[in-house]
């Protein structure tokens, strides 16, 4: 009986402690969209990406033209000439694919550019969030921009505007 009573008391204390935690929610996408450096970085990345995609599209068009020309002339070509033309087309396609991987791949130029441009800004936001949490004795800050599983949060718990003010006043 004593063990059961102690277990019930322990459960009540545990539950009350977990409900007493202070938390806040923020929308990091909204915060980032208010930072001029972040907006500028987005424009740079988008411009670079479009430029590189245009180069790739043009290269594929050139290969497609070579292939169409090959199809038109292959009946009059010798076996050796056919082979050379086919190899050239295949080689050009491989080069384009390699170029595409160097730009858009996991370790490509675009990924490096993202890291170089965005990481310092994100690190600054994280530092401001950490400072805010410590100053306001928060146990938890939840990013509602990237979490689909938050079904409800109190509008009073949303501290996005407070963080935006801190970041814009730091500049």
Protein backbone atom coordinates (compact mmCIF):
# COMPACT_ATOMS: atom_id res chain seq x y z
CA UNK A 1 0.00 0.00 0.00
CA UNK A 2 2.82 2.40 0.88
CA UNK A 3 4.63 1.57 -2.36
CA UNK A 4 1.48 2.28 -4.39
CA UNK A 5 0.93 5.59 -2.59
CA UNK A 6 4.57 6.61 -3.14
CA UNK A 7 4.32 5.66 -6.81
CA UNK A 8 1.18 7.77 -7.25
CA UNK A 9 2.81 10.76 -5.51
CA UNK A 10 5.92 10.39 -7.67
CA UNK A 11 3.78 10.32 -10.82
CA UNK A 12 1.88 13.44 -9.76
CA UNK A 13 5.10 15.31 -9.00
CA UNK A 14 6.61 14.23 -12.33
CA UNK A 15 3.53 15.32 -14.26
CA UNK A 16 3.34 18.69 -12.48
CA UNK A 17 7.03 19.35 -13.14
CA UNK A 18 6.68 18.53 -16.83
CA UNK A 19 3.66 20.84 -17.16
CA UNK A 20 5.52 23.64 -15.40
CA UNK A 21 8.12 23.90 -18.15
CA UNK A 22 8.32 27.25 -19.87
CA UNK A 23 8.33 27.18 -23.63
CA UNK A 24 7.98 29.45 -26.63
CA UNK A 25 7.34 28.94 -30.30
CA UNK A 26 8.93 30.86 -33.16
CA UNK A 27 8.65 30.78 -36.92
CA UNK A 28 12.20 30.86 -38.21
CA UNK A 29 11.07 31.34 -41.81
CA UNK A 30 9.33 34.56 -40.79
CA UNK A 31 12.38 35.65 -38.80
CA UNK A 32 14.76 34.93 -41.69
CA UNK A 33 12.49 36.70 -44.18
CA UNK A 34 12.95 39.91 -42.17
CA UNK A 35 16.75 39.81 -42.36
CA UNK A 36 18.07 41.77 -45.38
CA UNK A 37 21.27 39.69 -45.60
CA UNK A 38 19.20 36.51 -45.82
CA UNK A 39 17.01 37.94 -48.58
CA UNK A 40 20.11 39.03 -50.50
CA UNK A 41 21.68 35.59 -50.08
CA UNK A 42 18.50 33.97 -51.41
CA UNK A 43 18.64 36.20 -54.49
CA UNK A 44 22.31 35.32 -55.10
CA UNK A 45 21.63 31.60 -54.82
CA UNK A 46 18.56 31.80 -57.04
CA UNK A 47 20.40 33.81 -59.71
CA UNK A 48 23.37 31.44 -59.69
CA UNK A 49 21.09 28.41 -59.84
CA UNK A 50 19.14 29.79 -62.80
CA UNK A 51 22.34 30.70 -64.66
CA UNK A 52 23.78 27.25 -64.21
CA UNK A 53 20.51 25.53 -65.15
CA UNK A 54 20.40 27.61 -68.33
CA UNK A 55 23.93 26.47 -69.20
CA UNK A 56 22.91 22.85 -68.64
CA UNK A 57 19.71 23.22 -70.68
CA UNK A 58 21.66 24.82 -73.55
CA UNK A 59 24.26 22.05 -73.45
CA UNK A 60 21.53 19.41 -73.64
CA UNK A 61 19.96 21.26 -76.58
CA UNK A 62 23.33 21.19 -78.37
CA UNK A 63 23.62 17.45 -77.75
CA UNK A 64 20.07 16.95 -78.95
CA UNK A 65 20.90 18.82 -82.20
CA UNK A 66 23.97 16.63 -82.70
CA UNK A 67 21.85 13.56 -82.13
CA UNK A 68 19.20 14.74 -84.60
CA UNK A 69 21.91 15.46 -87.18
CA UNK A 70 23.38 12.04 -86.53
CA UNK A 71 19.96 10.41 -87.05
CA UNK A 72 19.55 12.22 -90.38
CA UNK A 73 23.00 11.31 -91.67
CA UNK A 74 23.66 7.89 -90.15
CA UNK A 75 22.52 6.00 -93.27
CA UNK A 76 25.25 7.65 -95.31
CA UNK A 77 27.93 7.32 -92.62
CA UNK A 78 30.54 4.61 -92.42
CA UNK A 79 30.57 2.32 -89.39
CA UNK A 80 33.60 4.15 -88.01
CA UNK A 81 31.99 7.57 -88.48
CA UNK A 82 28.80 6.31 -86.78
CA UNK A 83 30.80 5.05 -83.85
CA UNK A 84 32.72 8.32 -83.53
CA UNK A 85 29.48 10.35 -83.66
CA UNK A 86 27.77 8.08 -81.10
CA UNK A 87 30.78 8.24 -78.77
CA UNK A 88 30.88 12.03 -79.08
CA UNK A 89 27.18 12.30 -78.18
CA UNK A 90 27.55 9.94 -75.22
CA UNK A 91 30.70 11.73 -74.05
CA UNK A 92 28.96 15.12 -74.22
CA UNK A 93 26.00 13.77 -72.20
CA UNK A 94 28.42 12.44 -69.56
CA UNK A 95 30.19 15.80 -69.38
CA UNK A 96 26.89 17.60 -68.89
CA UNK A 97 25.86 15.16 -66.17
CA UNK A 98 29.21 15.61 -64.40
CA UNK A 99 28.88 19.39 -64.65
CA UNK A 100 25.36 19.19 -63.27
CA UNK A 101 26.61 17.10 -60.34
CA UNK A 102 29.45 19.58 -59.66
CA UNK A 103 26.91 22.39 -59.45
CA UNK A 104 23.76 20.83 -57.97
CA UNK A 105 25.10 17.70 -56.25
CA UNK A 106 25.35 16.99 -52.52
CA UNK A 107 28.86 18.45 -52.42
CA UNK A 108 28.36 20.81 -55.34
CA UNK A 109 29.01 24.49 -55.73
CA UNK A 110 25.42 25.38 -54.91
CA UNK A 111 25.57 23.48 -51.61
CA UNK A 112 28.84 25.22 -50.73
CA UNK A 113 27.30 28.56 -51.64
CA UNK A 114 24.30 27.84 -49.41
CA UNK A 115 26.58 26.97 -46.51
CA UNK A 116 28.77 30.03 -47.00
CA UNK A 117 25.89 32.49 -47.32
CA UNK A 118 23.22 31.10 -45.00
CA UNK A 119 25.08 29.43 -42.14
CA UNK A 120 26.39 32.66 -40.52
CA UNK A 121 22.89 34.15 -40.62
CA UNK A 122 21.33 30.98 -39.19
CA UNK A 123 24.01 30.82 -36.51
CA UNK A 124 23.22 34.41 -35.52
CA UNK A 125 19.50 33.61 -35.27
CA UNK A 126 20.30 30.56 -33.16
CA UNK A 127 22.52 32.64 -30.86
CA UNK A 128 19.75 35.20 -30.41
CA UNK A 129 17.26 32.41 -29.68
CA UNK A 130 19.62 30.89 -27.10
CA UNK A 131 20.15 34.27 -25.44
CA UNK A 132 16.39 34.91 -25.43
CA UNK A 133 15.71 31.50 -23.90
CA UNK A 134 18.24 32.07 -21.13
CA UNK A 135 17.02 35.60 -20.37
CA UNK A 136 13.39 34.48 -20.24
CA UNK A 137 14.10 31.20 -18.45
CA UNK A 138 12.63 29.09 -21.25
CA UNK A 139 13.13 25.35 -21.23
CA UNK A 140 12.19 24.88 -24.86
CA UNK A 141 11.79 26.86 -28.09
CA UNK A 142 9.92 25.13 -30.88
CA UNK A 143 10.24 26.15 -34.52
CA UNK A 144 6.72 26.04 -35.96
CA UNK A 145 7.89 26.65 -39.53
CA UNK A 146 9.42 23.21 -39.90
CA UNK A 147 7.18 21.11 -37.67
CA UNK A 148 3.97 19.66 -39.05
CA UNK A 149 3.10 17.85 -35.84
CA UNK A 150 2.26 20.91 -33.72
CA UNK A 151 -1.50 20.95 -33.70
CA UNK A 152 -1.96 23.96 -31.45
CA UNK A 153 0.06 26.58 -29.66
CA UNK A 154 -1.06 29.57 -27.71
CA UNK A 155 -0.55 32.83 -29.60
CA UNK A 156 0.98 34.17 -26.38
CA UNK A 157 3.71 31.54 -26.70
CA UNK A 158 4.71 32.78 -30.19
CA UNK A 159 7.78 34.93 -29.70
CA UNK A 160 8.66 35.39 -33.37
CA UNK A 161 8.20 39.17 -33.28
CA UNK A 162 10.32 39.47 -30.12
CA UNK A 163 13.16 37.63 -31.86
CA UNK A 164 12.82 39.78 -35.00
CA UNK A 165 13.11 42.92 -32.85
CA UNK A 166 16.20 41.55 -31.11
CA UNK A 167 17.89 40.66 -34.40
CA UNK A 168 17.04 43.93 -36.16
CA UNK A 169 18.12 45.96 -33.14
CA UNK A 170 21.45 44.07 -33.00
CA UNK A 171 22.44 45.37 -36.43
